[in-house]
Amino acid sequence: MLLLVLLAILALVAFGVGFVVHWLFIVAAVVALIWLISLFTGGFGRAGAGRW
């Protein structure tokens, strides 16, 4: 019985970690895309700076 409870807890933890890691991967992909766009458009925070 204890083994069954431990297995259920392990399954819940694995499901939670998989859900969180999946969303962290999506967030990392979005951040990387924003970084690439800012790299090609001149970056953030340099709106007033002249381009040489």
C-alpha atoms as a PDB file:
ATOM      1  CA  MET A   1       0.000   0.000   0.000  1.00  0.00           C
ATOM      2  CA  LEU A   2       2.822   2.387   0.860  1.00  0.00           C
ATOM      3  CA  LEU A   3       4.508   1.604  -2.456  1.00  0.00           C
ATOM      4  CA  LEU A   4       1.307   2.477  -4.318  1.00  0.00           C
ATOM      5  CA  VAL A   5       1.044   5.839  -2.513  1.00  0.00           C
ATOM      6  CA  LEU A   6       4.700   6.608  -3.259  1.00  0.00           C
ATOM      7  CA  LEU A   7       4.163   5.711  -6.902  1.00  0.00           C
ATOM      8  CA  ALA A   8       1.132   8.031  -7.080  1.00  0.00           C
ATOM      9  CA  ILE A   9       3.097  10.870  -5.480  1.00  0.00           C
ATOM     10  CA  LEU A  10       5.980  10.277  -7.881  1.00  0.00           C
ATOM     11  CA  ALA A  11       3.590  10.340 -10.847  1.00  0.00           C
ATOM     12  CA  LEU A  12       2.085  13.651  -9.674  1.00  0.00           C
ATOM     13  CA  VAL A  13       5.531  15.189  -9.195  1.00  0.00           C
ATOM     14  CA  ALA A  14       6.667  13.989 -12.621  1.00  0.00           C
ATOM     15  CA  PHE A  15       3.520  15.420 -14.222  1.00  0.00           C
ATOM     16  CA  GLY A  16       4.028  18.766 -12.473  1.00  0.00           C
ATOM     17  CA  VAL A  17       7.693  18.990 -13.436  1.00  0.00           C
ATOM     18  CA  GLY A  18       6.896  18.071 -17.023  1.00  0.00           C
ATOM     19  CA  PHE A  19       4.212  20.754 -17.193  1.00  0.00           C
ATOM     20  CA  VAL A  20       6.510  23.419 -15.730  1.00  0.00           C
ATOM     21  CA  VAL A  21       9.473  22.469 -17.916  1.00  0.00           C
ATOM     22  CA  HIS A  22       7.274  22.574 -21.023  1.00  0.00           C
ATOM     23  CA  TRP A  23       6.105  26.090 -20.204  1.00  0.00           C
ATOM     24  CA  LEU A  24       9.638  27.209 -19.350  1.00  0.00           C
ATOM     25  CA  PHE A  25      10.751  25.958 -22.772  1.00  0.00           C
ATOM     26  CA  ILE A  26       8.003  28.007 -24.428  1.00  0.00           C
ATOM     27  CA  VAL A  27       8.989  31.107 -22.431  1.00  0.00           C
ATOM     28  CA  ALA A  28      12.656  30.597 -23.364  1.00  0.00           C
ATOM     29  CA  ALA A  29      11.732  30.306 -27.052  1.00  0.00           C
ATOM     30  CA  VAL A  30       9.710  33.539 -26.897  1.00  0.00           C
ATOM     31  CA  VAL A  31      12.547  35.375 -25.134  1.00  0.00           C
ATOM     32  CA  ALA A  32      15.043  34.098 -27.717  1.00  0.00           C
ATOM     33  CA  LEU A  33      12.763  35.289 -30.527  1.00  0.00           C
ATOM     34  CA  ILE A  34      12.449  38.746 -28.945  1.00  0.00           C
ATOM     35  CA  TRP A  35      16.228  38.855 -28.525  1.00  0.00           C
ATOM     36  CA  LEU A  36      16.760  38.003 -32.204  1.00  0.00           C
ATOM     37  CA  ILE A  37      14.269  40.640 -33.319  1.00  0.00           C
ATOM     38  CA  SER A  38      15.939  43.263 -31.127  1.00  0.00           C
ATOM     39  CA  LEU A  39      19.341  42.234 -32.443  1.00  0.00           C
ATOM     40  CA  PHE A  40      18.321  42.823 -36.054  1.00  0.00           C
ATOM     41  CA  THR A  41      16.360  46.015 -35.368  1.00  0.00           C
ATOM     42  CA  GLY A  42      19.055  47.750 -33.343  1.00  0.00           C
ATOM     43  CA  GLY A  43      18.204  46.710 -29.805  1.00  0.00           C
ATOM     44  CA  PHE A  44      16.183  48.136 -26.965  1.00  0.00           C
ATOM     45  CA  GLY A  45      16.934  51.408 -25.212  1.00  0.00           C
ATOM     46  CA  ARG A  46      18.720  53.032 -28.143  1.00  0.00           C
ATOM     47  CA  ALA A  47      15.768  54.860 -29.675  1.00  0.00           C
ATOM     48  CA  GLY A  48      17.405  58.265 -29.251  1.00  0.00           C
ATOM     49  CA  ALA A  49      20.902  57.183 -30.263  1.00  0.00           C
ATOM     50  CA  GLY A  50      22.103  57.903 -33.736  1.00  0.00           C
ATOM     51  CA  ARG A  51      23.205  55.053 -35.935  1.00  0.00           C
ATOM     52  CA  TRP A  52      26.749  55.290 -37.260  1.00  0.00           C
END
